Amino acid sequence: RSGLDAHLESKRLASKRVWVVVRARPCTDAGNHLSIDRNRVAVAGAGNSQGFTFFADRAFGGHATQEEVCSYIDERVLPHALNGEHICLMAYGQTGSGKTHTM
């Protein structure tokens, strides 16, 4: 990714009050299929079940390293904290969904 892309994304995110960053664990259900790109998570349902698509400011797959996720968040959140702004990192999800794995 170019420096210009990173700069433009940083400016876009700076104007937001809430950023949503998703880190999805790999599907454990053999019938589901997880597809992740830059800001979209799609879960295809098994058989006749309906799939779902979710959008976020950034989406990471289950194989993303801690360093990748933390680097992305650090670049965007820490400057605000160092400027005296209040920040909050929140992990949300059902039991066993990977909150501790991500934090």
C-alpha atoms as a PDB file:
ATOM      1  CA  ARG A   1       0.000   0.000   0.000  1.00  0.00           C
ATOM      2  CA  SER A   2       1.386   3.400  -0.921  1.00  0.00           C
ATOM      3  CA  GLY A   3       2.113   6.182   1.529  1.00  0.00           C
ATOM      4  CA  LEU A   4      -0.548   8.286  -0.184  1.00  0.00           C
ATOM      5  CA  ASP A   5      -3.179   5.579   0.375  1.00  0.00           C
ATOM      6  CA  ALA A   6      -2.245   5.372   4.060  1.00  0.00           C
ATOM      7  CA  HIS A   7      -2.364   9.164   4.386  1.00  0.00           C
ATOM      8  CA  LEU A   8      -5.786   9.425   2.731  1.00  0.00           C
ATOM      9  CA  GLU A   9      -7.175   6.615   4.871  1.00  0.00           C
ATOM     10  CA  SER A  10      -5.771   8.248   7.996  1.00  0.00           C
ATOM     11  CA  LYS A  11      -7.444  11.575   7.109  1.00  0.00           C
ATOM     12  CA  ARG A  12     -10.767   9.819   6.448  1.00  0.00           C
ATOM     13  CA  LEU A  13     -10.633   7.959   9.754  1.00  0.00           C
ATOM     14  CA  ALA A  14      -9.543  11.062  11.685  1.00  0.00           C
ATOM     15  CA  SER A  15     -12.881  12.691  10.920  1.00  0.00           C
ATOM     16  CA  LYS A  16     -14.824   9.777  12.429  1.00  0.00           C
ATOM     17  CA  ARG A  17     -15.872   9.440  16.050  1.00  0.00           C
ATOM     18  CA  VAL A  18     -16.111   5.640  16.002  1.00  0.00           C
ATOM     19  CA  TRP A  19     -13.888   3.250  14.082  1.00  0.00           C
ATOM     20  CA  VAL A  20     -14.851  -0.376  13.637  1.00  0.00           C
ATOM     21  CA  VAL A  21     -12.016  -2.851  13.194  1.00  0.00           C
ATOM     22  CA  VAL A  22     -12.908  -6.525  12.849  1.00  0.00           C
ATOM     23  CA  ARG A  23     -10.695  -9.527  13.402  1.00  0.00           C
ATOM     24  CA  ALA A  24     -12.570 -12.679  12.505  1.00  0.00           C
ATOM     25  CA  ARG A  25     -11.425 -16.068  13.672  1.00  0.00           C
ATOM     26  CA  PRO A  26     -11.442 -18.846  11.099  1.00  0.00           C
ATOM     27  CA  CYS A  27     -14.778 -20.658  10.908  1.00  0.00           C
ATOM     28  CA  THR A  28     -14.878 -23.778  13.027  1.00  0.00           C
ATOM     29  CA  ASP A  29     -18.101 -24.976  11.410  1.00  0.00           C
ATOM     30  CA  ALA A  30     -17.177 -26.941   8.285  1.00  0.00           C
ATOM     31  CA  GLY A  31     -20.370 -25.786   6.583  1.00  0.00           C
ATOM     32  CA  ASN A  32     -19.585 -22.072   6.791  1.00  0.00           C
ATOM     33  CA  HIS A  33     -17.172 -20.179   4.597  1.00  0.00           C
ATOM     34  CA  LEU A  34     -15.569 -16.895   5.640  1.00  0.00           C
ATOM     35  CA  SER A  35     -14.411 -14.348   3.072  1.00  0.00           C
ATOM     36  CA  ILE A  36     -12.559 -11.221   4.166  1.00  0.00           C
ATOM     37  CA  ASP A  37     -11.201  -8.314   2.225  1.00  0.00           C
ATOM     38  CA  ARG A  38     -10.059  -4.879   3.306  1.00  0.00           C
ATOM     39  CA  ASN A  39     -13.334  -3.698   4.862  1.00  0.00           C
ATOM     40  CA  ARG A  40     -15.819  -6.526   4.325  1.00  0.00           C
ATOM     41  CA  VAL A  41     -16.493  -9.804   6.091  1.00  0.00           C
ATOM     42  CA  ALA A  42     -18.822 -12.244   4.339  1.00  0.00           C
ATOM     43  CA  VAL A  43     -20.009 -15.463   5.940  1.00  0.00           C
ATOM     44  CA  ALA A  44     -21.611 -17.918   3.546  1.00  0.00           C
ATOM     45  CA  GLY A  45     -24.090 -20.162   5.304  1.00  0.00           C
ATOM     46  CA  ALA A  46     -24.120 -23.926   5.090  1.00  0.00           C
ATOM     47  CA  GLY A  47     -26.725 -25.594   2.918  1.00  0.00           C
ATOM     48  CA  ASN A  48     -29.822 -23.454   2.630  1.00  0.00           C
ATOM     49  CA  SER A  49     -28.946 -21.070   5.454  1.00  0.00           C
ATOM     50  CA  GLN A  50     -28.563 -17.420   4.633  1.00  0.00           C
ATOM     51  CA  GLY A  51     -25.122 -15.839   4.550  1.00  0.00           C
ATOM     52  CA  PHE A  52     -24.275 -12.458   6.022  1.00  0.00           C
ATOM     53  CA  THR A  53     -22.032  -9.581   4.992  1.00  0.00           C
ATOM     54  CA  PHE A  54     -20.611  -7.065   7.448  1.00  0.00           C
ATOM     55  CA  PHE A  55     -18.701  -3.873   6.714  1.00  0.00           C
ATOM     56  CA  ALA A  56     -16.082  -2.175   8.876  1.00  0.00           C
ATOM     57  CA  ASP A  57     -13.356   0.425   8.573  1.00  0.00           C
ATOM     58  CA  ARG A  58     -10.885  -2.463   8.421  1.00  0.00           C
ATOM     59  CA  ALA A  59     -11.294  -6.223   8.511  1.00  0.00           C
ATOM     60  CA  PHE A  60      -8.624  -8.777   9.358  1.00  0.00           C
ATOM     61  CA  GLY A  61      -8.839 -12.519   8.881  1.00  0.00           C
ATOM     62  CA  GLY A  62      -8.123 -15.040  11.581  1.00  0.00           C
ATOM     63  CA  HIS A  63      -4.631 -15.576  10.243  1.00  0.00           C
ATOM     64  CA  ALA A  64      -3.653 -11.920  10.696  1.00  0.00           C
ATOM     65  CA  THR A  65      -0.853 -11.593  13.207  1.00  0.00           C
ATOM     66  CA  GLN A  66      -1.101  -9.668  16.454  1.00  0.00           C
ATOM     67  CA  GLU A  67       1.527  -7.324  15.014  1.00  0.00           C
ATOM     68  CA  GLU A  68      -0.584  -6.548  11.926  1.00  0.00           C
ATOM     69  CA  VAL A  69      -3.695  -5.764  13.940  1.00  0.00           C
ATOM     70  CA  CYS A  70      -1.886  -3.798  16.648  1.00  0.00           C
ATOM     71  CA  SER A  71       0.146  -1.854  14.092  1.00  0.00           C
ATOM     72  CA  TYR A  72      -3.018  -0.815  12.267  1.00  0.00           C
ATOM     73  CA  ILE A  73      -4.721   0.304  15.477  1.00  0.00           C
ATOM     74  CA  ASP A  74      -1.594   1.922  16.956  1.00  0.00           C
ATOM     75  CA  GLU A  75      -1.061   4.098  13.876  1.00  0.00           C
ATOM     76  CA  ARG A  76      -4.605   5.442  14.120  1.00  0.00           C
ATOM     77  CA  VAL A  77      -5.387   5.486  17.833  1.00  0.00           C
ATOM     78  CA  LEU A  78      -2.167   6.319  19.679  1.00  0.00           C
ATOM     79  CA  PRO A  79      -1.689   9.770  18.097  1.00  0.00           C
ATOM     80  CA  HIS A  80      -5.136  10.750  19.398  1.00  0.00           C
ATOM     81  CA  ALA A  81      -4.337   9.463  22.878  1.00  0.00           C
ATOM     82  CA  LEU A  82      -1.000  11.301  22.877  1.00  0.00           C
ATOM     83  CA  ASN A  83      -2.840  14.497  21.915  1.00  0.00           C
ATOM     84  CA  GLY A  84      -4.896  14.191  25.099  1.00  0.00           C
ATOM     85  CA  GLU A  85      -8.053  12.797  23.543  1.00  0.00           C
ATOM     86  CA  HIS A  86     -10.022  10.098  25.335  1.00  0.00           C
ATOM     87  CA  ILE A  87      -9.993   6.727  23.615  1.00  0.00           C
ATOM     88  CA  CYS A  88     -11.583   3.389  24.331  1.00  0.00           C
ATOM     89  CA  LEU A  89     -10.740   0.007  22.843  1.00  0.00           C
ATOM     90  CA  MET A  90     -13.573  -2.451  23.161  1.00  0.00           C
ATOM     91  CA  ALA A  91     -13.705  -6.122  22.282  1.00  0.00           C
ATOM     92  CA  TYR A  92     -17.217  -7.344  21.585  1.00  0.00           C
ATOM     93  CA  GLY A  93     -18.604 -10.721  20.647  1.00  0.00           C
ATOM     94  CA  GLN A  94     -20.194 -13.858  21.942  1.00  0.00           C
ATOM     95  CA  THR A  95     -18.381 -16.289  24.207  1.00  0.00           C
ATOM     96  CA  GLY A  96     -15.642 -18.083  22.303  1.00  0.00           C
ATOM     97  CA  SER A  97     -15.613 -15.592  19.418  1.00  0.00           C
ATOM     98  CA  GLY A  98     -11.986 -14.491  19.896  1.00  0.00           C
ATOM     99  CA  LYS A  99     -12.020 -11.377  22.077  1.00  0.00           C
ATOM    100  CA  THR A 100      -9.170 -12.554  24.278  1.00  0.00           C
ATOM    101  CA  HIS A 101      -7.330 -13.878  21.213  1.00  0.00           C
ATOM    102  CA  THR A 102      -7.478 -10.404  19.673  1.00  0.00           C
ATOM    103  CA  MET A 103      -6.722  -8.323  22.765  1.00  0.00           C
END
